[in-house]
């Protein structure tokens, strides 16, 4: 049996984050890594002092920046999880900016020996 990770969300986005998670899990997705990233985003939203439920490009600007030492895969994952949240909120009628930033993935360097 799969153990779901759950966090307590404290920003004004909490009901929407929980709704997205419930919807994803109802479709059979485990969604544990994404839950952690959404918890981090919830903390970011609180630290910034945002009280609005709509998400604008300006509000996401700092979140979309690559963190020091962060790889492409992690950076892309953070953006994708927030993108899922904004799409979900748009379907509920809450106008949100959907980030279109595409980072790509880390690719290992292949060495071919002679």
N, C-alpha and C. Protein backbone atom coordinates (compact mmCIF):
# COMPACT_ATOMS: atom_id res chain seq x y z
N UNK A 1 0.83 -1.18 0.00
CA UNK A 1 0.00 0.00 0.00
C UNK A 1 0.88 1.25 0.00
N UNK A 2 0.54 2.20 -0.84
CA UNK A 2 1.31 3.42 -0.97
C UNK A 2 0.98 4.39 0.16
N UNK A 3 2.02 4.96 0.74
CA UNK A 3 1.82 5.95 1.80
C UNK A 3 1.90 7.34 1.19
N UNK A 4 0.83 8.08 1.34
CA UNK A 4 0.78 9.44 0.83
C UNK A 4 1.40 10.40 1.82
N UNK A 5 2.20 11.33 1.32
CA UNK A 5 2.75 12.39 2.16
C UNK A 5 1.74 13.52 2.19
N UNK A 6 1.53 14.08 3.36
CA UNK A 6 0.62 15.20 3.52
C UNK A 6 1.29 16.29 4.34
N UNK A 7 1.03 17.51 3.98
CA UNK A 7 1.56 18.67 4.68
C UNK A 7 0.42 19.60 5.03
N UNK A 8 0.69 20.50 5.95
CA UNK A 8 -0.28 21.53 6.30
C UNK A 8 0.12 22.79 5.54
N UNK A 9 -0.78 23.30 4.75
CA UNK A 9 -0.55 24.49 3.95
C UNK A 9 -1.15 25.69 4.68
N UNK A 10 -0.45 26.82 4.65
CA UNK A 10 -0.87 27.95 5.46
C UNK A 10 -1.16 29.21 4.67
N UNK A 11 -0.88 29.26 3.40
CA UNK A 11 -1.12 30.47 2.62
C UNK A 11 -2.59 30.53 2.20
N UNK A 12 -2.96 31.63 1.56
CA UNK A 12 -4.33 31.76 1.05
C UNK A 12 -4.58 30.78 -0.10
N UNK A 13 -3.52 30.19 -0.64
CA UNK A 13 -3.66 29.22 -1.72
C UNK A 13 -3.91 27.81 -1.21
N UNK A 14 -3.91 27.62 0.11
CA UNK A 14 -4.03 26.28 0.70
C UNK A 14 -5.22 25.48 0.17
N UNK A 15 -6.43 26.05 0.10
CA UNK A 15 -7.56 25.24 -0.39
C UNK A 15 -7.37 24.77 -1.83
N UNK A 16 -6.70 25.59 -2.64
CA UNK A 16 -6.49 25.23 -4.04
C UNK A 16 -5.39 24.18 -4.17
N UNK A 17 -4.36 24.31 -3.36
CA UNK A 17 -3.29 23.30 -3.35
C UNK A 17 -3.87 21.95 -2.93
N UNK A 18 -4.66 21.95 -1.87
CA UNK A 18 -5.26 20.71 -1.39
C UNK A 18 -6.23 20.14 -2.41
N UNK A 19 -6.96 21.01 -3.10
CA UNK A 19 -7.88 20.55 -4.13
C UNK A 19 -7.16 19.89 -5.29
N UNK A 20 -6.04 20.49 -5.71
CA UNK A 20 -5.23 19.92 -6.79
C UNK A 20 -4.70 18.55 -6.38
N UNK A 21 -4.18 18.46 -5.17
CA UNK A 21 -3.64 17.19 -4.68
C UNK A 21 -4.72 16.12 -4.63
N UNK A 22 -5.89 16.48 -4.12
CA UNK A 22 -7.01 15.52 -4.05
C UNK A 22 -7.41 15.05 -5.43
N UNK A 23 -7.45 15.98 -6.37
CA UNK A 23 -7.83 15.60 -7.74
C UNK A 23 -6.80 14.67 -8.36
N UNK A 24 -5.52 14.98 -8.22
CA UNK A 24 -4.48 14.13 -8.78
C UNK A 24 -4.51 12.74 -8.17
N UNK A 25 -4.67 12.68 -6.85
CA UNK A 25 -4.68 11.37 -6.18
C UNK A 25 -5.94 10.59 -6.51
N UNK A 26 -7.05 11.27 -6.76
CA UNK A 26 -8.28 10.56 -7.13
C UNK A 26 -8.15 9.91 -8.51
N UNK A 27 -7.19 10.41 -9.31
CA UNK A 27 -6.92 9.82 -10.62
C UNK A 27 -5.82 8.77 -10.56
N UNK A 28 -5.35 8.45 -9.36
CA UNK A 28 -4.39 7.37 -9.20
C UNK A 28 -2.94 7.78 -9.11
N UNK A 29 -2.65 9.08 -9.13
CA UNK A 29 -1.27 9.54 -9.01
C UNK A 29 -0.86 9.57 -7.54
N UNK A 30 0.36 9.14 -7.24
CA UNK A 30 0.85 9.18 -5.86
C UNK A 30 1.12 10.63 -5.46
N UNK A 31 1.78 11.39 -6.31
CA UNK A 31 1.93 12.83 -6.17
C UNK A 31 2.66 13.24 -4.90
N UNK A 32 3.65 12.46 -4.45
CA UNK A 32 4.38 12.80 -3.21
C UNK A 32 5.46 13.86 -3.42
N UNK A 33 6.22 13.78 -4.47
CA UNK A 33 7.27 14.77 -4.73
C UNK A 33 6.62 16.13 -4.98
N UNK A 34 5.54 16.13 -5.74
CA UNK A 34 4.85 17.36 -6.07
C UNK A 34 4.25 18.02 -4.83
N UNK A 35 3.78 17.20 -3.89
CA UNK A 35 3.22 17.72 -2.64
C UNK A 35 4.29 18.48 -1.87
N UNK A 36 5.51 17.97 -1.87
CA UNK A 36 6.62 18.66 -1.20
C UNK A 36 6.92 19.99 -1.89
N UNK A 37 6.96 19.99 -3.22
CA UNK A 37 7.25 21.22 -3.95
C UNK A 37 6.14 22.26 -3.74
N UNK A 38 4.90 21.80 -3.67
CA UNK A 38 3.79 22.71 -3.42
C UNK A 38 3.86 23.26 -1.99
N UNK A 39 4.38 22.48 -1.05
CA UNK A 39 4.59 22.97 0.31
C UNK A 39 5.63 24.09 0.29
N UNK A 40 6.68 23.90 -0.46
CA UNK A 40 7.70 24.94 -0.59
C UNK A 40 7.11 26.20 -1.23
N UNK A 41 6.27 26.02 -2.24
CA UNK A 41 5.64 27.16 -2.88
C UNK A 41 4.69 27.87 -1.91
N UNK A 42 3.98 27.12 -1.10
CA UNK A 42 3.10 27.68 -0.08
C UNK A 42 3.91 28.54 0.89
N UNK A 43 5.08 28.06 1.29
CA UNK A 43 5.96 28.83 2.16
C UNK A 43 6.45 30.10 1.48
N UNK A 44 6.79 29.99 0.21
CA UNK A 44 7.21 31.16 -0.58
C UNK A 44 6.10 32.20 -0.60
N UNK A 45 4.86 31.74 -0.82
CA UNK A 45 3.72 32.65 -0.89
C UNK A 45 3.53 33.39 0.44
N UNK A 46 3.70 32.66 1.54
CA UNK A 46 3.58 33.28 2.88
C UNK A 46 4.73 34.27 3.13
N UNK A 47 5.95 33.88 2.81
CA UNK A 47 7.11 34.75 3.04
C UNK A 47 7.02 36.05 2.25
N UNK A 48 6.45 35.97 1.06
CA UNK A 48 6.30 37.16 0.22
C UNK A 48 5.17 38.06 0.74
N UNK A 49 4.33 37.52 1.61
CA UNK A 49 3.23 38.30 2.17
C UNK A 49 2.05 38.48 1.24
N UNK A 50 1.93 37.60 0.25
CA UNK A 50 0.82 37.70 -0.70
C UNK A 50 -0.48 37.26 -0.04
N UNK A 51 -1.52 38.05 -0.21
CA UNK A 51 -2.83 37.71 0.34
C UNK A 51 -3.85 37.50 -0.76
N UNK A 52 -3.41 37.63 -2.01
CA UNK A 52 -4.30 37.44 -3.15
C UNK A 52 -4.34 35.97 -3.53
N UNK A 53 -5.49 35.55 -4.06
CA UNK A 53 -5.59 34.17 -4.53
C UNK A 53 -5.25 34.06 -6.01
N UNK A 54 -5.20 35.20 -6.71
CA UNK A 54 -4.78 35.13 -8.11
C UNK A 54 -3.26 35.22 -8.16
N UNK A 55 -2.68 34.54 -9.13
CA UNK A 55 -1.23 34.48 -9.25
C UNK A 55 -0.83 35.21 -10.53
N UNK A 56 0.02 36.22 -10.39
CA UNK A 56 0.47 36.98 -11.55
C UNK A 56 1.92 36.61 -11.88
N UNK A 57 2.35 37.04 -13.05
CA UNK A 57 3.73 36.77 -13.48
C UNK A 57 4.73 37.43 -12.54
N UNK A 58 4.41 38.63 -12.07
CA UNK A 58 5.30 39.36 -11.17
C UNK A 58 5.46 38.61 -9.84
N UNK A 59 4.37 38.03 -9.37
CA UNK A 59 4.42 37.28 -8.11
C UNK A 59 5.27 36.02 -8.24
N UNK A 60 5.29 35.45 -9.43
CA UNK A 60 6.04 34.21 -9.65
C UNK A 60 7.50 34.45 -10.05
N UNK A 61 7.84 35.69 -10.34
CA UNK A 61 9.17 35.98 -10.89
C UNK A 61 10.30 35.34 -10.08
N UNK A 62 10.31 35.57 -8.78
CA UNK A 62 11.39 35.03 -7.94
C UNK A 62 11.35 33.50 -7.87
N UNK A 63 10.14 32.93 -7.83
CA UNK A 63 9.98 31.48 -7.76
C UNK A 63 10.52 30.79 -9.02
N UNK A 64 10.38 31.46 -10.16
CA UNK A 64 10.79 30.86 -11.42
C UNK A 64 12.30 30.90 -11.65
N UNK A 65 13.01 31.68 -10.86
CA UNK A 65 14.46 31.77 -11.00
C UNK A 65 15.14 30.50 -10.48
N UNK A 66 16.22 30.14 -11.12
CA UNK A 66 16.99 28.97 -10.70
C UNK A 66 17.69 29.27 -9.38
N UNK A 67 17.63 28.35 -8.45
CA UNK A 67 18.30 28.50 -7.16
C UNK A 67 19.77 28.12 -7.28
N UNK A 68 20.64 28.67 -6.43
CA UNK A 68 22.05 28.29 -6.47
C UNK A 68 22.23 26.79 -6.26
N UNK A 69 22.96 26.16 -7.14
CA UNK A 69 23.24 24.74 -7.04
C UNK A 69 22.09 23.84 -7.49
N UNK A 70 21.02 24.41 -8.01
CA UNK A 70 19.87 23.63 -8.43
C UNK A 70 20.07 23.13 -9.86
N UNK A 71 19.83 21.85 -10.08
CA UNK A 71 19.95 21.28 -11.41
C UNK A 71 18.74 21.59 -12.27
N UNK A 72 18.87 21.31 -13.54
CA UNK A 72 17.78 21.58 -14.47
C UNK A 72 16.53 20.77 -14.13
N UNK A 73 16.69 19.52 -13.74
CA UNK A 73 15.55 18.67 -13.44
C UNK A 73 14.76 19.20 -12.24
N UNK A 74 15.45 19.60 -11.19
CA UNK A 74 14.78 20.13 -10.01
C UNK A 74 14.10 21.45 -10.31
N UNK A 75 14.78 22.30 -11.04
CA UNK A 75 14.22 23.60 -11.41
C UNK A 75 12.97 23.41 -12.26
N UNK A 76 13.06 22.53 -13.23
CA UNK A 76 11.92 22.24 -14.09
C UNK A 76 10.75 21.67 -13.30
N UNK A 77 11.05 20.80 -12.33
CA UNK A 77 10.00 20.21 -11.50
C UNK A 77 9.27 21.25 -10.68
N UNK A 78 10.01 22.19 -10.10
CA UNK A 78 9.38 23.26 -9.31
C UNK A 78 8.42 24.07 -10.17
N UNK A 79 8.86 24.39 -11.38
CA UNK A 79 8.03 25.18 -12.28
C UNK A 79 6.81 24.39 -12.72
N UNK A 80 6.99 23.13 -13.05
CA UNK A 80 5.89 22.29 -13.52
C UNK A 80 4.82 22.14 -12.45
N UNK A 81 5.21 21.98 -11.20
CA UNK A 81 4.23 21.81 -10.13
C UNK A 81 3.40 23.06 -9.92
N UNK A 82 4.03 24.24 -10.01
CA UNK A 82 3.28 25.49 -9.89
C UNK A 82 2.42 25.71 -11.13
N UNK A 83 2.93 25.29 -12.28
CA UNK A 83 2.15 25.38 -13.51
C UNK A 83 0.86 24.56 -13.38
N UNK A 84 0.97 23.37 -12.81
CA UNK A 84 -0.22 22.53 -12.58
C UNK A 84 -1.22 23.23 -11.67
N UNK A 85 -0.70 23.89 -10.63
CA UNK A 85 -1.58 24.61 -9.70
C UNK A 85 -2.29 25.75 -10.41
N UNK A 86 -1.57 26.52 -11.21
CA UNK A 86 -2.19 27.66 -11.89
C UNK A 86 -3.23 27.20 -12.91
N UNK A 87 -2.96 26.11 -13.59
CA UNK A 87 -3.94 25.57 -14.54
C UNK A 87 -5.19 25.12 -13.79
N UNK A 88 -5.00 24.43 -12.68
CA UNK A 88 -6.12 23.98 -11.85
C UNK A 88 -6.96 25.17 -11.38
N UNK A 89 -6.28 26.22 -10.91
CA UNK A 89 -7.00 27.40 -10.42
C UNK A 89 -7.75 28.10 -11.55
N UNK A 90 -7.16 28.12 -12.74
CA UNK A 90 -7.86 28.70 -13.90
C UNK A 90 -9.13 27.93 -14.22
N UNK A 91 -9.11 26.61 -14.08
CA UNK A 91 -10.31 25.82 -14.35
C UNK A 91 -11.41 26.11 -13.33
N UNK A 92 -11.02 26.62 -12.16
CA UNK A 92 -12.00 27.00 -11.14
C UNK A 92 -12.48 28.44 -11.32
N UNK A 93 -11.98 29.13 -12.33
CA UNK A 93 -12.40 30.49 -12.61
C UNK A 93 -11.54 31.56 -11.96
N UNK A 94 -10.42 31.18 -11.38
CA UNK A 94 -9.50 32.13 -10.76
C UNK A 94 -8.40 32.42 -11.78
N UNK A 95 -8.34 33.64 -12.24
CA UNK A 95 -7.37 34.00 -13.28
C UNK A 95 -5.96 33.99 -12.73
N UNK A 96 -5.14 33.15 -13.30
CA UNK A 96 -3.75 33.00 -12.88
C UNK A 96 -2.84 32.96 -14.10
N UNK A 97 -1.65 33.47 -13.91
CA UNK A 97 -0.62 33.39 -14.94
C UNK A 97 -0.09 31.95 -14.97
N UNK A 98 -0.03 31.37 -16.15
CA UNK A 98 0.51 30.02 -16.31
C UNK A 98 1.92 30.14 -16.85
N UNK A 99 2.94 29.77 -16.06
CA UNK A 99 4.32 29.91 -16.54
C UNK A 99 4.59 28.98 -17.72
N UNK A 100 5.19 29.54 -18.74
CA UNK A 100 5.50 28.77 -19.95
C UNK A 100 6.99 28.47 -20.07
N UNK A 101 7.73 28.82 -19.03
CA UNK A 101 9.17 28.62 -19.03
C UNK A 101 9.50 27.14 -19.15
N UNK A 102 10.35 26.80 -20.10
CA UNK A 102 10.76 25.41 -20.31
C UNK A 102 12.27 25.31 -20.04
N UNK A 103 12.64 24.53 -19.05
CA UNK A 103 14.04 24.42 -18.63
C UNK A 103 14.75 23.27 -19.31
N UNK A 104 14.07 22.18 -19.49
CA UNK A 104 14.72 20.98 -20.02
C UNK A 104 15.16 20.08 -18.89
N UNK A 105 15.94 19.12 -19.19
CA UNK A 105 16.39 18.14 -18.20
C UNK A 105 17.91 18.03 -18.23
N UNK A 106 18.44 17.55 -17.12
CA UNK A 106 19.88 17.25 -17.08
C UNK A 106 20.13 16.00 -17.90
N UNK A 107 21.18 16.04 -18.69
CA UNK A 107 21.55 14.86 -19.48
C UNK A 107 22.98 14.48 -19.11
N UNK A 108 23.19 13.22 -18.80
CA UNK A 108 24.55 12.81 -18.47
C UNK A 108 25.46 12.90 -19.69
N UNK A 109 26.71 13.19 -19.45
CA UNK A 109 27.69 13.24 -20.52
C UNK A 109 28.18 11.81 -20.77
N UNK A 110 28.04 11.39 -21.99
CA UNK A 110 28.42 10.03 -22.35
C UNK A 110 29.85 10.07 -22.93
N UNK A 111 30.70 9.25 -22.39
CA UNK A 111 32.07 9.15 -22.87
C UNK A 111 32.23 7.81 -23.59
N UNK A 112 32.68 7.87 -24.81
CA UNK A 112 32.88 6.65 -25.59
C UNK A 112 34.38 6.37 -25.62
N UNK A 113 34.75 5.21 -25.11
CA UNK A 113 36.15 4.84 -25.07
C UNK A 113 36.56 4.21 -26.39
N UNK A 114 37.79 4.46 -26.80
CA UNK A 114 38.32 3.90 -28.05
C UNK A 114 38.80 2.50 -27.82
